[in-house]
Amino acid sequence: MKKIVAIIVMLVLSISVQAQSGARIEFKAQDNTIDYGNVSKETDNGIRIFEFTNTGDAPLIIKDVKSSCGCTVPSKPKDPILPGKTGKIEVKYNMNPGPIRKTITVESNAVNAEGGLVAIKIKGLVITPTSGGK
């Protein structure tokens, strides 16, 4: 009986240790948000870079990156990000005048994100030369 209990305890411990290992994604941007501030279409191309690090012990695979609208076009890394290495997700906003409030969903194999999904965001205000941000 003691052997069976010992085997069960060992099995539970090994499963819990395995559940903690894997790829982990940590974004450099505070709150996973990049603030464009007040920008003008004439002087800004709308491209921003989200940098992240794989802080886990397995390769991080970015499976998909989707925007909440067609005005924001994200691009994902093609290759896995090895443990300890950094990767980049480029986001291009089309710079329509007005407020910027967009969410990009990153789908990965990261164990520190529920379902492997992480939301990254852009915000700001695109002004026209005549509006001055008003």
N, C-alpha and C. Protein backbone atom coordinates (compact mmCIF):
# COMPACT_ATOMS: atom_id res chain seq x y z
N MET A 1 0.82 -1.19 0.00
CA MET A 1 0.00 0.00 0.00
C MET A 1 0.86 1.26 0.00
N LYS A 2 1.95 1.24 0.81
CA LYS A 2 2.85 2.39 0.87
C LYS A 2 3.50 2.64 -0.49
N LYS A 3 3.79 1.58 -1.19
CA LYS A 3 4.41 1.73 -2.52
C LYS A 3 3.45 2.40 -3.49
N ILE A 4 2.19 2.04 -3.43
CA ILE A 4 1.19 2.63 -4.32
C ILE A 4 1.05 4.13 -4.03
N VAL A 5 0.96 4.50 -2.75
CA VAL A 5 0.86 5.90 -2.37
C VAL A 5 2.11 6.66 -2.82
N ALA A 6 3.28 6.07 -2.65
CA ALA A 6 4.54 6.71 -3.05
C ALA A 6 4.57 6.91 -4.57
N ILE A 7 4.09 5.94 -5.32
CA ILE A 7 4.07 6.05 -6.78
C ILE A 7 3.10 7.16 -7.21
N ILE A 8 1.95 7.24 -6.58
CA ILE A 8 0.97 8.28 -6.90
C ILE A 8 1.55 9.66 -6.59
N VAL A 9 2.20 9.81 -5.44
CA VAL A 9 2.81 11.09 -5.07
C VAL A 9 3.88 11.47 -6.09
N MET A 10 4.72 10.54 -6.47
CA MET A 10 5.77 10.82 -7.46
C MET A 10 5.15 11.22 -8.80
N LEU A 11 4.09 10.55 -9.19
CA LEU A 11 3.43 10.86 -10.45
C LEU A 11 2.84 12.28 -10.43
N VAL A 12 2.17 12.63 -9.34
CA VAL A 12 1.59 13.97 -9.21
C VAL A 12 2.68 15.03 -9.23
N LEU A 13 3.76 14.79 -8.52
CA LEU A 13 4.87 15.75 -8.50
C LEU A 13 5.50 15.92 -9.88
N SER A 14 5.69 14.84 -10.60
CA SER A 14 6.32 14.95 -11.92
C SER A 14 5.41 15.68 -12.90
N ILE A 15 4.09 15.49 -12.78
CA ILE A 15 3.15 16.19 -13.66
C ILE A 15 3.16 17.68 -13.35
N SER A 16 3.18 18.05 -12.07
CA SER A 16 3.17 19.47 -11.72
C SER A 16 4.46 20.16 -12.15
N VAL A 17 5.59 19.49 -12.09
CA VAL A 17 6.86 20.07 -12.54
C VAL A 17 6.82 20.28 -14.05
N GLN A 18 6.28 19.32 -14.78
CA GLN A 18 6.19 19.45 -16.24
C GLN A 18 5.25 20.58 -16.63
N ALA A 19 4.19 20.80 -15.88
CA ALA A 19 3.22 21.86 -16.21
C ALA A 19 3.84 23.24 -16.10
N GLN A 20 4.87 23.41 -15.31
CA GLN A 20 5.51 24.70 -15.12
C GLN A 20 6.58 24.98 -16.17
N SER A 21 7.02 23.96 -16.86
CA SER A 21 8.06 24.18 -17.86
C SER A 21 7.41 24.46 -19.21
N GLY A 22 8.18 25.06 -20.09
CA GLY A 22 7.69 25.38 -21.43
C GLY A 22 8.08 26.79 -21.82
N ALA A 23 7.58 27.20 -22.95
CA ALA A 23 7.86 28.55 -23.46
C ALA A 23 7.07 29.57 -22.64
N ARG A 24 7.67 30.73 -22.42
CA ARG A 24 7.02 31.83 -21.69
C ARG A 24 7.28 33.12 -22.47
N ILE A 25 6.25 33.96 -22.59
CA ILE A 25 6.39 35.21 -23.34
C ILE A 25 6.27 36.39 -22.38
N GLU A 26 7.24 37.29 -22.47
CA GLU A 26 7.25 38.50 -21.65
C GLU A 26 7.51 39.68 -22.58
N PHE A 27 6.52 40.60 -22.67
CA PHE A 27 6.67 41.77 -23.54
C PHE A 27 7.42 42.88 -22.82
N LYS A 28 8.21 43.63 -23.58
CA LYS A 28 9.00 44.74 -23.03
C LYS A 28 8.11 45.94 -22.73
N ALA A 29 7.09 46.18 -23.55
CA ALA A 29 6.21 47.34 -23.39
C ALA A 29 5.41 47.22 -22.10
N GLN A 30 5.37 48.30 -21.34
CA GLN A 30 4.60 48.32 -20.10
C GLN A 30 3.12 48.05 -20.40
N ASP A 31 2.52 47.15 -19.67
CA ASP A 31 1.11 46.76 -19.86
C ASP A 31 0.86 46.24 -21.27
N ASN A 32 1.88 45.78 -21.96
CA ASN A 32 1.77 45.27 -23.33
C ASN A 32 1.16 46.31 -24.27
N THR A 33 1.43 47.60 -24.00
CA THR A 33 0.83 48.69 -24.77
C THR A 33 1.91 49.64 -25.28
N ILE A 34 1.76 50.04 -26.54
CA ILE A 34 2.62 51.09 -27.10
C ILE A 34 1.74 52.31 -27.33
N ASP A 35 2.19 53.44 -26.78
CA ASP A 35 1.47 54.71 -26.91
C ASP A 35 2.13 55.53 -28.02
N TYR A 36 1.40 55.76 -29.09
CA TYR A 36 1.90 56.57 -30.20
C TYR A 36 2.02 58.04 -29.79
N GLY A 37 1.23 58.44 -28.80
CA GLY A 37 1.16 59.85 -28.45
C GLY A 37 0.37 60.59 -29.52
N ASN A 38 0.62 61.89 -29.67
CA ASN A 38 0.00 62.68 -30.73
C ASN A 38 0.93 62.64 -31.94
N VAL A 39 0.45 62.07 -33.04
CA VAL A 39 1.27 61.90 -34.23
C VAL A 39 0.51 62.41 -35.45
N SER A 40 1.26 62.69 -36.50
CA SER A 40 0.69 63.16 -37.75
C SER A 40 1.00 62.16 -38.85
N LYS A 41 0.03 61.94 -39.72
CA LYS A 41 0.21 61.03 -40.85
C LYS A 41 1.35 61.50 -41.76
N GLU A 42 1.56 62.81 -41.81
CA GLU A 42 2.60 63.36 -42.68
C GLU A 42 4.01 63.06 -42.16
N THR A 43 4.16 62.85 -40.88
CA THR A 43 5.51 62.68 -40.30
C THR A 43 5.73 61.32 -39.65
N ASP A 44 4.73 60.44 -39.65
CA ASP A 44 4.86 59.15 -38.97
C ASP A 44 4.33 58.06 -39.88
N ASN A 45 5.08 56.99 -40.05
CA ASN A 45 4.67 55.90 -40.93
C ASN A 45 3.71 54.91 -40.26
N GLY A 46 3.46 55.05 -38.95
CA GLY A 46 2.52 54.19 -38.24
C GLY A 46 3.06 52.85 -37.81
N ILE A 47 4.35 52.61 -38.01
CA ILE A 47 4.94 51.32 -37.66
C ILE A 47 5.52 51.38 -36.25
N ARG A 48 5.17 50.38 -35.45
CA ARG A 48 5.73 50.22 -34.11
C ARG A 48 6.14 48.76 -33.93
N ILE A 49 7.10 48.54 -33.04
CA ILE A 49 7.63 47.20 -32.79
C ILE A 49 7.39 46.80 -31.34
N PHE A 50 6.74 45.66 -31.15
CA PHE A 50 6.60 45.06 -29.83
C PHE A 50 7.73 44.05 -29.67
N GLU A 51 8.59 44.28 -28.69
CA GLU A 51 9.67 43.33 -28.40
C GLU A 51 9.24 42.44 -27.25
N PHE A 52 9.61 41.17 -27.33
CA PHE A 52 9.30 40.22 -26.28
C PHE A 52 10.47 39.26 -26.10
N THR A 53 10.50 38.61 -24.96
CA THR A 53 11.55 37.64 -24.64
C THR A 53 10.90 36.32 -24.27
N ASN A 54 11.52 35.24 -24.70
CA ASN A 54 11.10 33.91 -24.27
C ASN A 54 11.84 33.63 -22.96
N THR A 55 11.15 33.75 -21.84
CA THR A 55 11.76 33.52 -20.53
C THR A 55 11.57 32.08 -20.06
N GLY A 56 11.08 31.23 -20.93
CA GLY A 56 10.86 29.83 -20.58
C GLY A 56 12.05 28.96 -20.94
N ASP A 57 11.80 27.66 -20.91
CA ASP A 57 12.87 26.70 -21.19
C ASP A 57 12.59 25.84 -22.43
N ALA A 58 11.70 26.31 -23.28
CA ALA A 58 11.39 25.62 -24.54
C ALA A 58 11.20 26.68 -25.62
N PRO A 59 11.35 26.31 -26.89
CA PRO A 59 11.13 27.28 -27.97
C PRO A 59 9.72 27.86 -27.94
N LEU A 60 9.63 29.18 -28.14
CA LEU A 60 8.36 29.88 -28.19
C LEU A 60 7.93 29.98 -29.65
N ILE A 61 6.72 29.53 -29.92
CA ILE A 61 6.20 29.56 -31.29
C ILE A 61 5.03 30.54 -31.33
N ILE A 62 5.16 31.58 -32.14
CA ILE A 62 4.07 32.53 -32.36
C ILE A 62 3.25 31.94 -33.50
N LYS A 63 2.07 31.43 -33.17
CA LYS A 63 1.24 30.74 -34.15
C LYS A 63 0.48 31.70 -35.05
N ASP A 64 -0.01 32.80 -34.45
CA ASP A 64 -0.81 33.75 -35.22
C ASP A 64 -0.83 35.09 -34.50
N VAL A 65 -1.03 36.16 -35.25
CA VAL A 65 -1.17 37.50 -34.70
C VAL A 65 -2.32 38.15 -35.47
N LYS A 66 -3.40 38.52 -34.72
CA LYS A 66 -4.59 39.07 -35.37
C LYS A 66 -4.93 40.43 -34.79
N SER A 67 -5.35 41.32 -35.67
CA SER A 67 -5.75 42.67 -35.27
C SER A 67 -7.26 42.73 -35.08
N SER A 68 -7.71 43.70 -34.29
CA SER A 68 -9.14 43.89 -34.07
C SER A 68 -9.82 44.58 -35.25
N CYS A 69 -9.02 45.10 -36.20
CA CYS A 69 -9.61 45.72 -37.40
C CYS A 69 -8.60 45.71 -38.54
N GLY A 70 -9.07 46.03 -39.73
CA GLY A 70 -8.21 46.03 -40.91
C GLY A 70 -7.28 47.23 -40.99
N CYS A 71 -7.46 48.21 -40.11
CA CYS A 71 -6.62 49.41 -40.13
C CYS A 71 -5.27 49.17 -39.46
N THR A 72 -5.12 48.02 -38.81
CA THR A 72 -3.88 47.68 -38.12
C THR A 72 -3.39 46.34 -38.67
N VAL A 73 -2.18 46.34 -39.19
CA VAL A 73 -1.64 45.13 -39.81
C VAL A 73 -0.42 44.66 -39.02
N PRO A 74 -0.55 43.53 -38.32
CA PRO A 74 0.60 42.99 -37.58
C PRO A 74 1.35 41.94 -38.40
N SER A 75 2.62 41.75 -38.07
CA SER A 75 3.38 40.66 -38.68
C SER A 75 4.12 39.92 -37.57
N LYS A 76 4.21 38.61 -37.72
CA LYS A 76 4.78 37.76 -36.67
C LYS A 76 6.11 37.17 -37.10
N PRO A 77 6.91 36.75 -36.11
CA PRO A 77 8.16 36.06 -36.46
C PRO A 77 7.85 34.71 -37.10
N LYS A 78 8.65 34.33 -38.07
CA LYS A 78 8.43 33.06 -38.77
C LYS A 78 9.04 31.89 -38.02
N ASP A 79 10.18 32.12 -37.36
CA ASP A 79 10.89 31.05 -36.69
C ASP A 79 10.60 31.04 -35.19
N PRO A 80 10.73 29.87 -34.55
CA PRO A 80 10.57 29.81 -33.09
C PRO A 80 11.61 30.70 -32.40
N ILE A 81 11.23 31.24 -31.24
CA ILE A 81 12.13 32.06 -30.44
C ILE A 81 12.70 31.14 -29.36
N LEU A 82 13.99 30.95 -29.36
CA LEU A 82 14.64 30.04 -28.41
C LEU A 82 14.64 30.63 -27.01
N PRO A 83 14.73 29.79 -25.98
CA PRO A 83 14.77 30.28 -24.60
C PRO A 83 15.86 31.34 -24.41
N GLY A 84 15.48 32.44 -23.75
CA GLY A 84 16.42 33.53 -23.49
C GLY A 84 16.57 34.52 -24.62
N LYS A 85 16.02 34.24 -25.77
CA LYS A 85 16.15 35.11 -26.94
C LYS A 85 14.93 36.04 -27.04
N THR A 86 15.10 37.11 -27.84
CA THR A 86 14.02 38.06 -28.04
C THR A 86 13.46 37.95 -29.45
N GLY A 87 12.23 38.37 -29.58
CA GLY A 87 11.57 38.41 -30.87
C GLY A 87 10.82 39.72 -31.02
N LYS A 88 10.27 39.94 -32.21
CA LYS A 88 9.58 41.19 -32.49
C LYS A 88 8.29 40.92 -33.25
N ILE A 89 7.28 41.71 -32.90
CA ILE A 89 6.03 41.73 -33.66
C ILE A 89 5.88 43.16 -34.16
N GLU A 90 5.83 43.31 -35.48
CA GLU A 90 5.67 44.64 -36.07
C GLU A 90 4.19 44.92 -36.28
N VAL A 91 3.79 46.14 -35.93
CA VAL A 91 2.40 46.57 -36.10
C VAL A 91 2.41 47.85 -36.92
N LYS A 92 1.60 47.87 -38.00
CA LYS A 92 1.48 49.07 -38.82
C LYS A 92 0.04 49.55 -38.77
N TYR A 93 -0.12 50.78 -38.26
CA TYR A 93 -1.43 51.41 -38.20
C TYR A 93 -1.57 52.32 -39.43
N ASN A 94 -2.77 52.40 -40.01
CA ASN A 94 -2.93 53.15 -41.27
C ASN A 94 -2.98 54.66 -41.09
N MET A 95 -2.92 55.15 -39.84
CA MET A 95 -2.80 56.58 -39.54
C MET A 95 -4.00 57.41 -39.98
N ASN A 96 -5.21 56.84 -39.88
CA ASN A 96 -6.42 57.64 -40.09
C ASN A 96 -6.52 58.67 -38.97
N PRO A 97 -6.87 59.92 -39.28
CA PRO A 97 -6.99 60.93 -38.23
C PRO A 97 -8.01 60.53 -37.16
N GLY A 98 -7.65 60.80 -35.92
CA GLY A 98 -8.53 60.48 -34.79
C GLY A 98 -7.81 59.62 -33.77
N PRO A 99 -8.56 59.17 -32.76
CA PRO A 99 -7.96 58.37 -31.69
C PRO A 99 -7.56 56.97 -32.18
N ILE A 100 -6.48 56.45 -31.61
CA ILE A 100 -6.03 55.08 -31.87
C ILE A 100 -6.30 54.28 -30.60
N ARG A 101 -7.07 53.23 -30.72
CA ARG A 101 -7.33 52.29 -29.63
C ARG A 101 -7.55 50.93 -30.27
N LYS A 102 -6.46 50.18 -30.45
CA LYS A 102 -6.55 48.90 -31.14
C LYS A 102 -5.90 47.80 -30.31
N THR A 103 -6.46 46.59 -30.45
CA THR A 103 -5.94 45.42 -29.76
C THR A 103 -5.49 44.40 -30.78
N ILE A 104 -4.33 43.81 -30.54
CA ILE A 104 -3.77 42.76 -31.38
C ILE A 104 -3.67 41.52 -30.49
N THR A 105 -4.17 40.40 -30.97
CA THR A 105 -4.12 39.16 -30.20
C THR A 105 -2.99 38.28 -30.72
N VAL A 106 -2.11 37.88 -29.81
CA VAL A 106 -0.98 37.03 -30.14
C VAL A 106 -1.30 35.62 -29.65
N GLU A 107 -1.27 34.66 -30.57
CA GLU A 107 -1.51 33.26 -30.22
C GLU A 107 -0.18 32.53 -30.25
N SER A 108 0.15 31.86 -29.14
CA SER A 108 1.44 31.19 -29.04
C SER A 108 1.32 29.91 -28.21
N ASN A 109 2.45 29.28 -27.99
CA ASN A 109 2.50 28.10 -27.13
C ASN A 109 2.98 28.47 -25.72
N ALA A 110 2.91 29.73 -25.35
CA ALA A 110 3.39 30.19 -24.04
C ALA A 110 2.54 29.62 -22.91
N VAL A 111 3.20 29.05 -21.92
CA VAL A 111 2.49 28.46 -20.79
C VAL A 111 2.06 29.51 -19.77
N ASN A 112 2.60 30.72 -19.84
CA ASN A 112 2.23 31.77 -18.88
C ASN A 112 1.09 32.65 -19.39
N ALA A 113 0.48 32.27 -20.50
CA ALA A 113 -0.66 33.00 -21.05
C ALA A 113 -1.83 32.03 -21.17
N GLU A 114 -2.98 32.43 -20.65
CA GLU A 114 -4.13 31.54 -20.68
C GLU A 114 -4.50 31.18 -22.11
N GLY A 115 -4.47 29.90 -22.42
CA GLY A 115 -4.76 29.44 -23.78
C GLY A 115 -3.70 29.85 -24.78
N GLY A 116 -2.56 30.35 -24.30
CA GLY A 116 -1.50 30.81 -25.19
C GLY A 116 -1.80 32.16 -25.83
N LEU A 117 -2.85 32.84 -25.38
CA LEU A 117 -3.27 34.12 -25.98
C LEU A 117 -2.83 35.30 -25.12
N VAL A 118 -2.24 36.31 -25.79
CA VAL A 118 -1.83 37.54 -25.13
C VAL A 118 -2.35 38.71 -25.96
N ALA A 119 -2.95 39.70 -25.29
CA ALA A 119 -3.42 40.90 -25.98
C ALA A 119 -2.34 41.98 -25.85
N ILE A 120 -1.97 42.56 -27.00
CA ILE A 120 -1.09 43.72 -27.02
C ILE A 120 -1.91 44.87 -27.61
N LYS A 121 -1.57 46.09 -27.23
CA LYS A 121 -2.42 47.22 -27.62
C LYS A 121 -1.60 48.40 -28.12
N ILE A 122 -2.24 49.17 -28.99
CA ILE A 122 -1.68 50.46 -29.40
C ILE A 122 -2.71 51.53 -29.08
N LYS A 123 -2.21 52.70 -28.73
CA LYS A 123 -3.11 53.82 -28.46
C LYS A 123 -2.42 55.10 -28.87
N GLY A 124 -3.18 56.16 -28.99
CA GLY A 124 -2.64 57.45 -29.35
C GLY A 124 -3.67 58.29 -30.06
N LEU A 125 -3.18 59.31 -30.75
CA LEU A 125 -4.06 60.22 -31.48
C LEU A 125 -3.35 60.67 -32.75
N VAL A 126 -4.00 60.44 -33.88
CA VAL A 126 -3.47 60.92 -35.18
C VAL A 126 -4.12 62.26 -35.43
N ILE A 127 -3.27 63.29 -35.52
CA ILE A 127 -3.77 64.64 -35.76
C ILE A 127 -3.52 65.06 -37.20
N THR A 128 -4.31 66.00 -37.67
CA THR A 128 -4.08 66.59 -38.98
C THR A 128 -3.36 67.91 -38.76
N PRO A 129 -2.63 68.40 -39.73
CA PRO A 129 -1.90 69.66 -39.55
C PRO A 129 -2.80 70.81 -39.10
N THR A 130 -4.06 70.80 -39.53
CA THR A 130 -4.97 71.89 -39.16
C THR A 130 -5.66 71.67 -37.84
N SER A 131 -5.75 70.40 -37.37
CA SER A 131 -6.49 70.16 -36.13
C SER A 131 -5.62 70.41 -34.89
N GLY A 132 -4.32 70.16 -35.01
CA GLY A 132 -3.43 70.38 -33.88
C GLY A 132 -3.77 69.52 -32.68
N GLY A 133 -4.46 68.41 -32.90
CA GLY A 133 -4.82 67.50 -31.81
C GLY A 133 -6.14 67.84 -31.15
N LYS A 134 -6.90 68.76 -31.72
CA LYS A 134 -8.17 69.17 -31.11
C LYS A 134 -9.33 68.41 -31.68
